[in-house]
Amino acid sequence: LMVWLRRCTHYLFIVVVAVNSTLLTINAGDYIFYTDWMWTSYVIFTLSQSLMLAVGAAY
């Protein structure tokens, strides 16, 4: 379960980065939307990091 969870958060992060790069390319001119997405990505990243730390402490 531990390895599976870690792998999931890792893949989730990769997906977030990939989507982020794609949106940056597509919406290069849409600055407001981009900063909004960056904030969302940052929140998701922070949550996944906290989750991994919590799981690591639990096991």
PDB file of N, CA and C in Angstrom:
ATOM      1  N   LEU A   1       0.849  -1.210   0.000  1.00  0.00           N
ATOM      2  CA  LEU A   1       0.000   0.000   0.000  1.00  0.00           C
ATOM      3  C   LEU A   1       0.881   1.255   0.000  1.00  0.00           C
ATOM      4  N   MET A   2       1.924   1.231   0.810  1.00  0.00           N
ATOM      5  CA  MET A   2       2.834   2.372   0.932  1.00  0.00           C
ATOM      6  C   MET A   2       3.457   2.722  -0.415  1.00  0.00           C
ATOM      7  N   VAL A   3       3.979   1.701  -1.100  1.00  0.00           N
ATOM      8  CA  VAL A   3       4.617   1.915  -2.401  1.00  0.00           C
ATOM      9  C   VAL A   3       3.596   2.415  -3.411  1.00  0.00           C
ATOM     10  N   TRP A   4       2.386   1.826  -3.373  1.00  0.00           N
ATOM     11  CA  TRP A   4       1.324   2.210  -4.303  1.00  0.00           C
ATOM     12  C   TRP A   4       0.934   3.667  -4.115  1.00  0.00           C
ATOM     13  N   LEU A   5       0.800   4.076  -2.863  1.00  0.00           N
ATOM     14  CA  LEU A   5       0.404   5.453  -2.542  1.00  0.00           C
ATOM     15  C   LEU A   5       1.480   6.437  -2.994  1.00  0.00           C
ATOM     16  N   ARG A   6       2.740   6.086  -2.726  1.00  0.00           N
ATOM     17  CA  ARG A   6       3.854   6.939  -3.113  1.00  0.00           C
ATOM     18  C   ARG A   6       3.917   7.066  -4.634  1.00  0.00           C
ATOM     19  N   ARG A   7       3.691   5.939  -5.312  1.00  0.00           N
ATOM     20  CA  ARG A   7       3.722   5.925  -6.774  1.00  0.00           C
ATOM     21  C   ARG A   7       2.588   6.781  -7.328  1.00  0.00           C
ATOM     22  N   CYS A   8       1.427   6.708  -6.704  1.00  0.00           N
ATOM     23  CA  CYS A   8       0.261   7.480  -7.147  1.00  0.00           C
ATOM     24  C   CYS A   8       0.525   8.979  -7.034  1.00  0.00           C
ATOM     25  N   THR A   9       1.055   9.409  -5.898  1.00  0.00           N
ATOM     26  CA  THR A   9       1.330  10.832  -5.703  1.00  0.00           C
ATOM     27  C   THR A   9       2.405  11.291  -6.682  1.00  0.00           C
ATOM     28  N   HIS A  10       3.366  10.389  -6.964  1.00  0.00           N
ATOM     29  CA  HIS A  10       4.436  10.717  -7.906  1.00  0.00           C
ATOM     30  C   HIS A  10       3.878  10.920  -9.310  1.00  0.00           C
ATOM     31  N   TYR A  11       3.007   9.987  -9.734  1.00  0.00           N
ATOM     32  CA  TYR A  11       2.397  10.093 -11.057  1.00  0.00           C
ATOM     33  C   TYR A  11       1.465  11.300 -11.134  1.00  0.00           C
ATOM     34  N   LEU A  12       0.765  11.576 -10.033  1.00  0.00           N
ATOM     35  CA  LEU A  12      -0.134  12.728  -9.978  1.00  0.00           C
ATOM     36  C   LEU A  12       0.656  14.012 -10.201  1.00  0.00           C
ATOM     37  N   PHE A  13       1.824  14.090  -9.553  1.00  0.00           N
ATOM     38  CA  PHE A  13       2.680  15.268  -9.703  1.00  0.00           C
ATOM     39  C   PHE A  13       3.155  15.422 -11.145  1.00  0.00           C
ATOM     40  N   ILE A  14       3.535  14.296 -11.770  1.00  0.00           N
ATOM     41  CA  ILE A  14       3.979  14.321 -13.168  1.00  0.00           C
ATOM     42  C   ILE A  14       2.848  14.819 -14.068  1.00  0.00           C
ATOM     43  N   VAL A  15       1.636  14.328 -13.824  1.00  0.00           N
ATOM     44  CA  VAL A  15       0.467  14.739 -14.606  1.00  0.00           C
ATOM     45  C   VAL A  15       0.219  16.235 -14.442  1.00  0.00           C
ATOM     46  N   VAL A  16       0.298  16.718 -13.202  1.00  0.00           N
ATOM     47  CA  VAL A  16       0.090  18.144 -12.923  1.00  0.00           C
ATOM     48  C   VAL A  16       1.114  18.995 -13.677  1.00  0.00           C
ATOM     49  N   VAL A  17       2.376  18.566 -13.644  1.00  0.00           N
ATOM     50  CA  VAL A  17       3.433  19.299 -14.345  1.00  0.00           C
ATOM     51  C   VAL A  17       3.194  19.290 -15.852  1.00  0.00           C
ATOM     52  N   ALA A  18       2.801  18.119 -16.380  1.00  0.00           N
ATOM     53  CA  ALA A  18       2.552  17.992 -17.817  1.00  0.00           C
ATOM     54  C   ALA A  18       1.396  18.892 -18.254  1.00  0.00           C
ATOM     55  N   VAL A  19       0.306  18.854 -17.501  1.00  0.00           N
ATOM     56  CA  VAL A  19      -0.865  19.681 -17.806  1.00  0.00           C
ATOM     57  C   VAL A  19      -0.497  21.159 -17.698  1.00  0.00           C
ATOM     58  N   ASN A  20       0.300  21.477 -16.683  1.00  0.00           N
ATOM     59  CA  ASN A  20       0.751  22.847 -16.463  1.00  0.00           C
ATOM     60  C   ASN A  20       1.529  23.359 -17.668  1.00  0.00           C
ATOM     61  N   SER A  21       2.456  22.548 -18.169  1.00  0.00           N
ATOM     62  CA  SER A  21       3.269  22.930 -19.326  1.00  0.00           C
ATOM     63  C   SER A  21       2.396  23.122 -20.561  1.00  0.00           C
ATOM     64  N   THR A  22       1.435  22.203 -20.747  1.00  0.00           N
ATOM     65  CA  THR A  22       0.536  22.278 -21.898  1.00  0.00           C
ATOM     66  C   THR A  22      -0.292  23.558 -21.847  1.00  0.00           C
ATOM     67  N   LEU A  23      -0.847  23.851 -20.667  1.00  0.00           N
ATOM     68  CA  LEU A  23      -1.670  25.043 -20.511  1.00  0.00           C
ATOM     69  C   LEU A  23      -0.839  26.310 -20.690  1.00  0.00           C
ATOM     70  N   LEU A  24       0.415  26.256 -20.259  1.00  0.00           N
ATOM     71  CA  LEU A  24       1.295  27.415 -20.428  1.00  0.00           C
ATOM     72  C   LEU A  24       1.509  27.697 -21.910  1.00  0.00           C
ATOM     73  N   THR A  25       1.675  26.635 -22.690  1.00  0.00           N
ATOM     74  CA  THR A  25       1.886  26.780 -24.129  1.00  0.00           C
ATOM     75  C   THR A  25       0.620  27.299 -24.812  1.00  0.00           C
ATOM     76  N   ILE A  26      -0.533  26.722 -24.444  1.00  0.00           N
ATOM     77  CA  ILE A  26      -1.802  27.082 -25.080  1.00  0.00           C
ATOM     78  C   ILE A  26      -2.237  28.493 -24.672  1.00  0.00           C
ATOM     79  N   ASN A  27      -2.161  28.781 -23.381  1.00  0.00           N
ATOM     80  CA  ASN A  27      -2.670  30.056 -22.872  1.00  0.00           C
ATOM     81  C   ASN A  27      -1.548  31.022 -22.519  1.00  0.00           C
ATOM     82  N   ALA A  28      -0.550  31.123 -23.408  1.00  0.00           N
ATOM     83  CA  ALA A  28       0.594  31.990 -23.135  1.00  0.00           C
ATOM     84  C   ALA A  28       0.161  33.437 -22.923  1.00  0.00           C
ATOM     85  N   GLY A  29      -0.887  33.874 -23.645  1.00  0.00           N
ATOM     86  CA  GLY A  29      -1.343  35.248 -23.535  1.00  0.00           C
ATOM     87  C   GLY A  29      -2.307  35.477 -22.392  1.00  0.00           C
ATOM     88  N   ASP A  30      -2.884  34.395 -21.872  1.00  0.00           N
ATOM     89  CA  ASP A  30      -3.884  34.527 -20.814  1.00  0.00           C
ATOM     90  C   ASP A  30      -3.205  34.483 -19.451  1.00  0.00           C
ATOM     91  N   TYR A  31      -2.649  35.602 -19.051  1.00  0.00           N
ATOM     92  CA  TYR A  31      -1.845  35.676 -17.829  1.00  0.00           C
ATOM     93  C   TYR A  31      -2.632  35.358 -16.561  1.00  0.00           C
ATOM     94  N   ILE A  32      -3.854  35.900 -16.465  1.00  0.00           N
ATOM     95  CA  ILE A  32      -4.675  35.706 -15.269  1.00  0.00           C
ATOM     96  C   ILE A  32      -5.008  34.226 -15.084  1.00  0.00           C
ATOM     97  N   PHE A  33      -5.391  33.573 -16.180  1.00  0.00           N
ATOM     98  CA  PHE A  33      -5.721  32.149 -16.100  1.00  0.00           C
ATOM     99  C   PHE A  33      -4.494  31.339 -15.700  1.00  0.00           C
ATOM    100  N   TYR A  34      -3.347  31.716 -16.253  1.00  0.00           N
ATOM    101  CA  TYR A  34      -2.112  30.986 -15.973  1.00  0.00           C
ATOM    102  C   TYR A  34      -1.714  31.093 -14.501  1.00  0.00           C
ATOM    103  N   THR A  35      -1.781  32.300 -13.946  1.00  0.00           N
ATOM    104  CA  THR A  35      -1.415  32.473 -12.542  1.00  0.00           C
ATOM    105  C   THR A  35      -2.392  31.716 -11.651  1.00  0.00           C
ATOM    106  N   ASP A  36      -3.660  31.697 -12.050  1.00  0.00           N
ATOM    107  CA  ASP A  36      -4.669  30.953 -11.302  1.00  0.00           C
ATOM    108  C   ASP A  36      -4.332  29.465 -11.310  1.00  0.00           C
ATOM    109  N   TRP A  37      -3.937  28.949 -12.481  1.00  0.00           N
ATOM    110  CA  TRP A  37      -3.584  27.530 -12.587  1.00  0.00           C
ATOM    111  C   TRP A  37      -2.316  27.228 -11.793  1.00  0.00           C
ATOM    112  N   MET A  38      -1.362  28.171 -11.788  1.00  0.00           N
ATOM    113  CA  MET A  38      -0.128  27.994 -11.018  1.00  0.00           C
ATOM    114  C   MET A  38      -0.449  27.868  -9.533  1.00  0.00           C
ATOM    115  N   TRP A  39      -1.378  28.691  -9.058  1.00  0.00           N
ATOM    116  CA  TRP A  39      -1.788  28.635  -7.655  1.00  0.00           C
ATOM    117  C   TRP A  39      -2.412  27.283  -7.348  1.00  0.00           C
ATOM    118  N   THR A  40      -3.295  26.810  -8.257  1.00  0.00           N
ATOM    119  CA  THR A  40      -3.944  25.511  -8.073  1.00  0.00           C
ATOM    120  C   THR A  40      -2.903  24.397  -8.035  1.00  0.00           C
ATOM    121  N   SER A  41      -1.946  24.445  -8.954  1.00  0.00           N
ATOM    122  CA  SER A  41      -0.887  23.441  -9.015  1.00  0.00           C
ATOM    123  C   SER A  41      -0.053  23.456  -7.739  1.00  0.00           C
ATOM    124  N   TYR A  42       0.219  24.651  -7.240  1.00  0.00           N
ATOM    125  CA  TYR A  42       1.004  24.791  -6.015  1.00  0.00           C
ATOM    126  C   TYR A  42       0.274  24.170  -4.832  1.00  0.00           C
ATOM    127  N   VAL A  43      -1.033  24.417  -4.749  1.00  0.00           N
ATOM    128  CA  VAL A  43      -1.849  23.856  -3.671  1.00  0.00           C
ATOM    129  C   VAL A  43      -1.849  22.333  -3.755  1.00  0.00           C
ATOM    130  N   ILE A  44      -2.054  21.794  -4.977  1.00  0.00           N
ATOM    131  CA  ILE A  44      -2.061  20.344  -5.178  1.00  0.00           C
ATOM    132  C   ILE A  44      -0.706  19.750  -4.788  1.00  0.00           C
ATOM    133  N   PHE A  45       0.371  20.407  -5.214  1.00  0.00           N
ATOM    134  CA  PHE A  45       1.720  19.940  -4.910  1.00  0.00           C
ATOM    135  C   PHE A  45       1.973  19.932  -3.405  1.00  0.00           C
ATOM    136  N   THR A  46       1.568  21.002  -2.718  1.00  0.00           N
ATOM    137  CA  THR A  46       1.759  21.109  -1.277  1.00  0.00           C
ATOM    138  C   THR A  46       0.979  20.029  -0.544  1.00  0.00           C
ATOM    139  N   LEU A  47      -0.268  19.791  -0.990  1.00  0.00           N
ATOM    140  CA  LEU A  47      -1.101  18.768  -0.376  1.00  0.00           C
ATOM    141  C   LEU A  47      -0.487  17.384  -0.547  1.00  0.00           C
ATOM    142  N   SER A  48      -0.008  17.069  -1.759  1.00  0.00           N
ATOM    143  CA  SER A  48       0.585  15.757  -2.006  1.00  0.00           C
ATOM    144  C   SER A  48       1.873  15.582  -1.201  1.00  0.00           C
ATOM    145  N   GLN A  49       2.645  16.670  -1.055  1.00  0.00           N
ATOM    146  CA  GLN A  49       3.868  16.611  -0.256  1.00  0.00           C
ATOM    147  C   GLN A  49       3.524  16.347   1.211  1.00  0.00           C
ATOM    148  N   SER A  50       2.512  17.044   1.714  1.00  0.00           N
ATOM    149  CA  SER A  50       2.077  16.858   3.095  1.00  0.00           C
ATOM    150  C   SER A  50       1.569  15.443   3.305  1.00  0.00           C
ATOM    151  N   LEU A  51       0.833  14.929   2.319  1.00  0.00           N
ATOM    152  CA  LEU A  51       0.297  13.575   2.389  1.00  0.00           C
ATOM    153  C   LEU A  51       1.432  12.564   2.466  1.00  0.00           C
ATOM    154  N   MET A  52       2.452  12.740   1.630  1.00  0.00           N
ATOM    155  CA  MET A  52       3.590  11.830   1.616  1.00  0.00           C
ATOM    156  C   MET A  52       4.358  11.887   2.935  1.00  0.00           C
ATOM    157  N   LEU A  53       4.482  13.084   3.504  1.00  0.00           N
ATOM    158  CA  LEU A  53       5.158  13.237   4.792  1.00  0.00           C
ATOM    159  C   LEU A  53       4.364  12.545   5.895  1.00  0.00           C
ATOM    160  N   ALA A  54       3.047  12.716   5.862  1.00  0.00           N
ATOM    161  CA  ALA A  54       2.176  12.102   6.867  1.00  0.00           C
ATOM    162  C   ALA A  54       2.237  10.580   6.775  1.00  0.00           C
ATOM    163  N   VAL A  55       2.180  10.067   5.542  1.00  0.00           N
ATOM    164  CA  VAL A  55       2.242   8.620   5.328  1.00  0.00           C
ATOM    165  C   VAL A  55       3.611   8.086   5.750  1.00  0.00           C
ATOM    166  N   GLY A  56       4.649   8.839   5.426  1.00  0.00           N
ATOM    167  CA  GLY A  56       5.996   8.431   5.797  1.00  0.00           C
ATOM    168  C   GLY A  56       6.174   8.389   7.308  1.00  0.00           C
ATOM    169  N   ALA A  57       5.540   9.328   8.014  1.00  0.00           N
ATOM    170  CA  ALA A  57       5.631   9.364   9.471  1.00  0.00           C
ATOM    171  C   ALA A  57       4.808   8.243  10.097  1.00  0.00           C
ATOM    172  N   ALA A  58       3.691   7.896   9.430  1.00  0.00           N
ATOM    173  CA  ALA A  58       2.789   6.875   9.961  1.00  0.00           C
ATOM    174  C   ALA A  58       3.409   5.479   9.868  1.00  0.00           C
ATOM    175  N   TYR A  59       4.227   5.244   8.832  1.00  0.00           N
ATOM    176  CA  TYR A  59       4.791   3.904   8.635  1.00  0.00           C
ATOM    177  C   TYR A  59       6.227   3.793   9.136  1.00  0.00           C
TER     178      TYR A  59
END
